Amino acid sequence: MPGTTFWVAIAVIAVVAIVGNTVLEIIKASGSGSKFKPRIEGLEEQVHDLESDLLDARHRVEVLEKIVTSQKYDLGREIDELRSS
């Protein structure tokens, strides 16, 4: 019986996916989906902005990693520690 449950679950998932896709296509075709278009465009713009911010943050982290791992940084830190002692 566990095998039967698996196939029933697969069938239910397939039916839900087909019905969901059909409903979405009907909404798009009827034009009522057009009221969501500005919202979708705004969200797409936000995603683009966040992707740009993420790339910028990654670049900054790479620069900071280079600074922290450089020998000059270590030497400067050691000199500062000697001055404070």
C-alpha atoms as a PDB file:
ATOM      1  CA  MET A   1       0.000   0.000   0.000  1.00  0.00           C
ATOM      2  CA  PRO A   2       2.851   2.522   0.541  1.00  0.00           C
ATOM      3  CA  GLY A   3       3.556   2.417  -3.195  1.00  0.00           C
ATOM      4  CA  THR A   4      -0.072   3.236  -3.956  1.00  0.00           C
ATOM      5  CA  THR A   5       0.044   6.266  -1.649  1.00  0.00           C
ATOM      6  CA  PHE A   6       3.079   7.520  -3.527  1.00  0.00           C
ATOM      7  CA  TRP A   7       1.321   7.332  -6.895  1.00  0.00           C
ATOM      8  CA  VAL A   8      -1.811   8.962  -5.498  1.00  0.00           C
ATOM      9  CA  ALA A   9       0.325  11.829  -4.185  1.00  0.00           C
ATOM     10  CA  ILE A  10       2.026  12.202  -7.586  1.00  0.00           C
ATOM     11  CA  ALA A  11      -1.393  12.260  -9.314  1.00  0.00           C
ATOM     12  CA  VAL A  12      -2.721  14.883  -6.897  1.00  0.00           C
ATOM     13  CA  ILE A  13       0.344  17.071  -7.419  1.00  0.00           C
ATOM     14  CA  ALA A  14      -0.013  16.775 -11.199  1.00  0.00           C
ATOM     15  CA  VAL A  15      -3.710  17.671 -11.098  1.00  0.00           C
ATOM     16  CA  VAL A  16      -3.080  20.666  -8.836  1.00  0.00           C
ATOM     17  CA  ALA A  17      -0.294  21.888 -11.127  1.00  0.00           C
ATOM     18  CA  ILE A  18      -2.462  21.572 -14.231  1.00  0.00           C
ATOM     19  CA  VAL A  19      -5.456  23.272 -12.616  1.00  0.00           C
ATOM     20  CA  GLY A  20      -3.274  26.025 -11.180  1.00  0.00           C
ATOM     21  CA  ASN A  21      -1.640  26.691 -14.522  1.00  0.00           C
ATOM     22  CA  THR A  22      -5.037  26.735 -16.248  1.00  0.00           C
ATOM     23  CA  VAL A  23      -6.440  29.240 -13.736  1.00  0.00           C
ATOM     24  CA  LEU A  24      -3.382  31.443 -14.208  1.00  0.00           C
ATOM     25  CA  GLU A  25      -3.781  31.377 -17.987  1.00  0.00           C
ATOM     26  CA  ILE A  26      -7.483  32.255 -17.670  1.00  0.00           C
ATOM     27  CA  ILE A  27      -6.654  35.214 -15.429  1.00  0.00           C
ATOM     28  CA  LYS A  28      -4.026  36.433 -17.874  1.00  0.00           C
ATOM     29  CA  ALA A  29      -6.375  36.016 -20.852  1.00  0.00           C
ATOM     30  CA  SER A  30      -9.318  37.743 -19.170  1.00  0.00           C
ATOM     31  CA  GLY A  31      -7.309  40.884 -18.530  1.00  0.00           C
ATOM     32  CA  SER A  32      -7.913  40.913 -14.786  1.00  0.00           C
ATOM     33  CA  GLY A  33      -4.276  39.967 -14.419  1.00  0.00           C
ATOM     34  CA  SER A  34      -3.385  43.342 -15.913  1.00  0.00           C
ATOM     35  CA  LYS A  35      -4.120  45.064 -12.597  1.00  0.00           C
ATOM     36  CA  PHE A  36      -1.172  43.156 -11.170  1.00  0.00           C
ATOM     37  CA  LYS A  37       1.179  44.217 -13.957  1.00  0.00           C
ATOM     38  CA  PRO A  38       2.447  47.422 -12.233  1.00  0.00           C
ATOM     39  CA  ARG A  39       2.994  45.470  -9.024  1.00  0.00           C
ATOM     40  CA  ILE A  40       4.910  42.743 -10.865  1.00  0.00           C
ATOM     41  CA  GLU A  41       7.048  45.336 -12.650  1.00  0.00           C
ATOM     42  CA  GLY A  42       7.779  47.042  -9.334  1.00  0.00           C
ATOM     43  CA  LEU A  43       8.808  43.727  -7.784  1.00  0.00           C
ATOM     44  CA  GLU A  44      11.016  42.910 -10.769  1.00  0.00           C
ATOM     45  CA  GLU A  45      12.715  46.300 -10.358  1.00  0.00           C
ATOM     46  CA  GLN A  46      13.256  45.640  -6.659  1.00  0.00           C
ATOM     47  CA  VAL A  47      14.784  42.243  -7.446  1.00  0.00           C
ATOM     48  CA  HIS A  48      17.126  43.873  -9.956  1.00  0.00           C
ATOM     49  CA  ASP A  49      18.149  46.516  -7.381  1.00  0.00           C
ATOM     50  CA  LEU A  50      18.760  43.841  -4.741  1.00  0.00           C
ATOM     51  CA  GLU A  51      20.872  41.797  -7.161  1.00  0.00           C
ATOM     52  CA  SER A  52      22.980  44.905  -7.865  1.00  0.00           C
ATOM     53  CA  ASP A  53      23.361  45.568  -4.134  1.00  0.00           C
ATOM     54  CA  LEU A  54      24.398  41.956  -3.568  1.00  0.00           C
ATOM     55  CA  LEU A  55      27.061  42.126  -6.283  1.00  0.00           C
ATOM     56  CA  ASP A  56      28.345  45.388  -4.810  1.00  0.00           C
ATOM     57  CA  ALA A  57      28.481  43.870  -1.315  1.00  0.00           C
ATOM     58  CA  ARG A  58      30.351  40.819  -2.614  1.00  0.00           C
ATOM     59  CA  HIS A  59      32.890  43.083  -4.320  1.00  0.00           C
ATOM     60  CA  ARG A  60      33.388  45.059  -1.108  1.00  0.00           C
ATOM     61  CA  VAL A  61      33.908  41.870   0.898  1.00  0.00           C
ATOM     62  CA  GLU A  62      36.506  40.673  -1.622  1.00  0.00           C
ATOM     63  CA  VAL A  63      38.372  43.984  -1.305  1.00  0.00           C
ATOM     64  CA  LEU A  64      38.261  43.806   2.490  1.00  0.00           C
ATOM     65  CA  GLU A  65      39.515  40.206   2.415  1.00  0.00           C
ATOM     66  CA  LYS A  66      42.453  41.303   0.256  1.00  0.00           C
ATOM     67  CA  ILE A  67      43.253  44.157   2.645  1.00  0.00           C
ATOM     68  CA  VAL A  68      43.038  42.017   5.777  1.00  0.00           C
ATOM     69  CA  THR A  69      45.117  39.189   4.324  1.00  0.00           C
ATOM     70  CA  SER A  70      47.833  41.433   2.901  1.00  0.00           C
ATOM     71  CA  GLN A  71      51.212  41.557   4.608  1.00  0.00           C
ATOM     72  CA  LYS A  72      51.154  45.367   4.778  1.00  0.00           C
ATOM     73  CA  TYR A  73      48.001  45.240   6.876  1.00  0.00           C
ATOM     74  CA  ASP A  74      49.640  42.820   9.298  1.00  0.00           C
ATOM     75  CA  LEU A  75      52.745  45.000   9.504  1.00  0.00           C
ATOM     76  CA  GLY A  76      50.652  48.118  10.162  1.00  0.00           C
ATOM     77  CA  ARG A  77      48.689  46.306  12.855  1.00  0.00           C
ATOM     78  CA  GLU A  78      51.892  45.119  14.535  1.00  0.00           C
ATOM     79  CA  ILE A  79      53.305  48.661  14.487  1.00  0.00           C
ATOM     80  CA  ASP A  80      50.082  50.000  15.997  1.00  0.00           C
ATOM     81  CA  GLU A  81      50.240  47.348  18.723  1.00  0.00           C
ATOM     82  CA  LEU A  82      53.846  48.300  19.504  1.00  0.00           C
ATOM     83  CA  ARG A  83      52.891  51.986  19.750  1.00  0.00           C
ATOM     84  CA  SER A  84      50.075  51.250  22.165  1.00  0.00           C
ATOM     85  CA  SER A  85      52.308  49.114  24.403  1.00  0.00           C
END
